[in-house]
Amino acid sequence: MDIINQLIQLDVKLFLYLNGQGTEMWDGFWNFVTHRYTWFPVYFLLLYLVYRLSSWKGLIYYVIVISLLILFVDQTTYYWFKAVFQRPRPSHNADIADLIRITGSPGGRWGFISAHASNTFAIAVFLGYQFKKVFRYSAIILTLWALFISYSRIYVGVHYPADLIFGALWGASVAYVFLWILNITKLNDKLDLSRIDRDLL
């Protein structure tokens, strides 16, 4: 237990340091980054690329699979982690209330693990795998995007680093399991974009 407590204290100290780097000049930017609706245009762009690289039928397959992926990740993030561990968010931790910057909504009470990190890393891993044969750096770009969004949760004061690390690991793990299932059942053939002529872009 001593090691666990030390890790928790380290997590809190790291959060306080990173959160403390924020300034009013950047608050609006990071509030924009962290808002769930901000990235809808990116999601539509990714689906548009799927459509251009395949067909309406391919797009429908992607929408179904990604919807199932996010539904599973989102629900398990709450019921398997938040509701079980019940670790308060830093924005709900009275012991550090005077030491943190909360730039927007404090969020729900429980923070472990981060749904933002879980969902974005699930999407990044899944689509990074699907696009990698067409766009070489897609996995890197999507991973950086997921890290960017995850960091915003520290900036706005609603998640500890551990919430994000384990959230990212969970989302990525679920995405890999989905990919494994799709590959062994050959369903991933319906999602294969590698044989499409790049001139379609």
Protein backbone atom coordinates (compact mmCIF):
# COMPACT_ATOMS: atom_id res chain seq x y z
CA MET A 1 0.00 0.00 0.00
CA ASP A 2 2.90 2.37 0.69
CA ILE A 3 4.02 2.10 -2.94
CA ILE A 4 0.49 2.75 -4.17
CA ASN A 5 0.14 5.77 -1.90
CA GLN A 6 3.48 7.10 -3.11
CA LEU A 7 2.38 6.71 -6.71
CA ILE A 8 -0.88 8.51 -5.96
CA GLN A 9 0.99 11.36 -4.31
CA LEU A 10 3.35 11.55 -7.29
CA ASP A 11 0.33 11.63 -9.59
CA VAL A 12 -1.15 14.54 -7.63
CA LYS A 13 2.15 16.44 -7.61
CA LEU A 14 2.58 16.00 -11.35
CA PHE A 15 -0.98 17.16 -11.92
CA LEU A 16 -0.46 20.26 -9.76
CA TYR A 17 2.72 21.13 -11.64
CA LEU A 18 1.21 20.72 -15.11
CA ASN A 19 -2.09 22.35 -14.22
CA GLY A 20 -0.21 25.22 -12.61
CA GLN A 21 1.49 26.08 -15.90
CA GLY A 22 -1.78 27.40 -17.29
CA THR A 23 -2.46 31.10 -17.85
CA GLU A 24 -5.62 33.07 -18.52
CA MET A 25 -4.36 33.85 -22.02
CA TRP A 26 -4.56 30.14 -22.94
CA ASP A 27 -7.68 29.16 -21.00
CA GLY A 28 -10.06 29.80 -23.90
CA PHE A 29 -7.91 27.77 -26.29
CA TRP A 30 -7.72 24.70 -24.03
CA ASN A 31 -11.41 24.93 -23.14
CA PHE A 32 -12.05 24.79 -26.88
CA VAL A 33 -9.70 21.82 -27.32
CA THR A 34 -11.26 19.84 -24.50
CA HIS A 35 -14.90 20.36 -25.54
CA ARG A 36 -16.39 17.16 -26.96
CA TYR A 37 -18.15 18.91 -29.86
CA THR A 38 -15.01 20.70 -31.05
CA TRP A 39 -13.75 17.65 -32.90
CA PHE A 40 -16.93 16.70 -34.75
CA PRO A 41 -15.59 18.27 -37.98
CA VAL A 42 -12.50 16.03 -37.68
CA TYR A 43 -14.70 12.95 -37.26
CA PHE A 44 -16.71 13.93 -40.32
CA LEU A 45 -13.49 14.49 -42.28
CA LEU A 46 -12.21 11.03 -41.34
CA LEU A 47 -15.50 9.45 -42.38
CA TYR A 48 -15.41 11.45 -45.61
CA LEU A 49 -11.96 10.01 -46.33
CA VAL A 50 -13.32 6.53 -45.68
CA TYR A 51 -16.10 7.21 -48.17
CA ARG A 52 -13.68 8.55 -50.80
CA LEU A 53 -11.40 5.56 -50.30
CA SER A 54 -14.18 2.99 -50.44
CA SER A 55 -17.91 3.51 -51.02
CA TRP A 56 -21.18 4.24 -49.26
CA LYS A 57 -21.25 0.59 -48.22
CA GLY A 58 -17.75 0.85 -46.78
CA LEU A 59 -18.73 4.03 -44.95
CA ILE A 60 -21.72 2.28 -43.37
CA TYR A 61 -19.47 -0.57 -42.18
CA TYR A 62 -17.12 1.95 -40.58
CA VAL A 63 -19.90 3.88 -38.88
CA ILE A 64 -21.31 0.67 -37.39
CA VAL A 65 -17.96 -0.67 -36.16
CA ILE A 66 -16.74 2.65 -34.76
CA SER A 67 -20.09 3.25 -33.04
CA LEU A 68 -19.86 -0.17 -31.37
CA LEU A 69 -16.25 0.51 -30.39
CA ILE A 70 -17.01 3.86 -28.78
CA LEU A 71 -20.16 2.56 -27.11
CA PHE A 72 -18.21 -0.29 -25.51
CA VAL A 73 -15.28 1.89 -24.46
CA ASP A 74 -17.50 4.63 -23.07
CA GLN A 75 -19.72 2.30 -21.06
CA THR A 76 -16.88 0.23 -19.64
CA THR A 77 -14.94 3.36 -18.75
CA TYR A 78 -17.76 4.29 -16.41
CA TYR A 79 -19.10 0.97 -15.13
CA TRP A 80 -15.81 -0.96 -14.95
CA PHE A 81 -13.60 1.88 -13.71
CA LYS A 82 -15.23 5.10 -12.53
CA ALA A 83 -18.04 3.38 -10.61
CA VAL A 84 -15.66 0.76 -9.18
CA PHE A 85 -12.62 2.82 -8.14
CA GLN A 86 -14.58 6.01 -7.35
CA ARG A 87 -11.50 8.21 -7.39
CA PRO A 88 -12.61 11.86 -7.21
CA ARG A 89 -11.47 14.18 -9.95
CA PRO A 90 -8.97 16.84 -8.87
CA SER A 91 -11.78 19.36 -9.43
CA HIS A 92 -13.71 17.54 -6.68
CA ASN A 93 -10.78 17.06 -4.32
CA ALA A 94 -11.20 19.46 -1.40
CA ASP A 95 -7.59 18.88 -0.26
CA ILE A 96 -6.17 20.65 -3.32
CA ALA A 97 -9.08 22.95 -4.15
CA ASP A 98 -6.99 26.07 -3.44
CA LEU A 99 -4.07 24.86 -5.53
CA ILE A 100 -5.64 24.07 -8.89
CA ARG A 101 -7.01 25.98 -11.83
CA ILE A 102 -10.44 24.90 -13.09
CA THR A 103 -11.15 26.75 -16.32
CA GLY A 104 -14.61 25.37 -17.08
CA SER A 105 -17.00 22.69 -15.90
CA PRO A 106 -15.61 20.57 -13.03
CA GLY A 107 -17.11 17.45 -14.62
CA GLY A 108 -18.67 14.50 -12.86
CA ARG A 109 -17.45 13.36 -9.46
CA TRP A 110 -15.33 10.37 -10.47
CA GLY A 111 -12.27 10.68 -12.68
CA PHE A 112 -10.52 7.31 -12.97
CA ILE A 113 -10.33 6.59 -15.85
CA SER A 114 -10.72 9.43 -18.36
CA ALA A 115 -13.43 8.86 -20.96
CA HIS A 116 -11.85 11.51 -23.18
CA ALA A 117 -8.57 9.60 -23.23
CA SER A 118 -10.24 6.21 -23.63
CA ASN A 119 -12.44 7.27 -26.53
CA THR A 120 -9.86 9.28 -28.44
CA PHE A 121 -7.17 6.61 -28.15
CA ALA A 122 -9.66 3.94 -29.22
CA ILE A 123 -10.42 5.97 -32.36
CA ALA A 124 -6.74 6.80 -32.93
CA VAL A 125 -5.60 3.18 -32.74
CA PHE A 126 -8.48 1.79 -34.78
CA LEU A 127 -8.35 4.34 -37.59
CA GLY A 128 -4.57 4.57 -37.46
CA TYR A 129 -4.44 0.85 -38.25
CA GLN A 130 -7.01 1.12 -41.03
CA PHE A 131 -5.41 4.12 -42.70
CA LYS A 132 -1.75 3.13 -42.30
CA LYS A 133 -1.51 1.35 -45.69
CA VAL A 134 -2.87 4.43 -47.44
CA PHE A 135 -1.39 7.24 -45.31
CA ARG A 136 1.97 6.25 -43.83
CA TYR A 137 1.87 8.67 -40.91
CA SER A 138 -1.80 8.33 -40.02
CA ALA A 139 -1.16 6.40 -36.79
CA ILE A 140 1.38 8.98 -35.60
CA ILE A 141 -0.89 11.93 -36.43
CA LEU A 142 -3.92 10.37 -34.75
CA THR A 143 -1.89 9.42 -31.67
CA LEU A 144 -0.60 12.98 -31.34
CA TRP A 145 -4.19 14.21 -31.68
CA ALA A 146 -5.30 11.87 -28.87
CA LEU A 147 -2.41 13.03 -26.66
CA PHE A 148 -3.31 16.66 -27.36
CA ILE A 149 -6.91 16.15 -26.24
CA SER A 150 -5.83 14.10 -23.23
CA TYR A 151 -3.45 16.81 -22.02
CA SER A 152 -6.26 19.34 -22.20
CA ARG A 153 -8.01 17.46 -19.38
CA ILE A 154 -5.11 18.26 -17.06
CA TYR A 155 -5.03 21.89 -18.15
CA VAL A 156 -8.72 22.46 -17.41
CA GLY A 157 -8.34 20.76 -14.02
CA VAL A 158 -10.54 17.68 -14.30
CA HIS A 159 -8.11 14.74 -14.58
CA TYR A 160 -4.90 13.49 -13.02
CA PRO A 161 -2.17 12.15 -15.34
CA ALA A 162 -2.91 8.57 -14.21
CA ASP A 163 -6.55 8.97 -15.27
CA LEU A 164 -5.32 9.77 -18.76
CA ILE A 165 -2.56 7.16 -18.95
CA PHE A 166 -4.83 4.29 -17.92
CA GLY A 167 -7.66 5.70 -20.01
CA ALA A 168 -5.41 5.76 -23.06
CA LEU A 169 -4.23 2.20 -22.37
CA TRP A 170 -7.80 0.99 -21.98
CA GLY A 171 -9.05 2.66 -25.16
CA ALA A 172 -6.07 1.41 -27.17
CA SER A 173 -6.44 -2.12 -25.77
CA VAL A 174 -10.12 -2.32 -26.66
CA ALA A 175 -9.35 -1.05 -30.17
CA TYR A 176 -6.73 -3.78 -30.62
CA VAL A 177 -9.21 -6.41 -29.42
CA PHE A 178 -11.78 -5.11 -31.92
CA LEU A 179 -9.17 -5.25 -34.69
CA TRP A 180 -8.19 -8.79 -33.67
CA ILE A 181 -11.81 -9.94 -33.76
CA LEU A 182 -12.36 -8.29 -37.13
CA ASN A 183 -9.20 -9.90 -38.52
CA ILE A 184 -9.89 -13.45 -37.33
CA THR A 185 -13.49 -13.28 -38.57
CA LYS A 186 -12.33 -11.79 -41.89
CA LEU A 187 -14.76 -8.91 -41.36
CA ASN A 188 -11.84 -6.52 -41.61
CA ASP A 189 -11.71 -7.30 -45.34
CA LYS A 190 -14.82 -5.15 -45.66
CA LEU A 191 -12.91 -2.28 -44.04
CA ASP A 192 -9.67 -2.68 -46.00
CA LEU A 193 -8.68 0.60 -47.64
CA SER A 194 -5.24 -0.50 -48.81
CA ARG A 195 -6.39 -1.70 -52.23
CA ILE A 196 -8.10 1.56 -53.15
CA ASP A 197 -6.57 3.75 -55.84
CA ARG A 198 -5.07 6.82 -54.12
CA ASP A 199 -6.04 8.93 -57.13
CA LEU A 200 -9.55 8.97 -55.69
CA LEU A 201 -8.27 11.60 -53.30
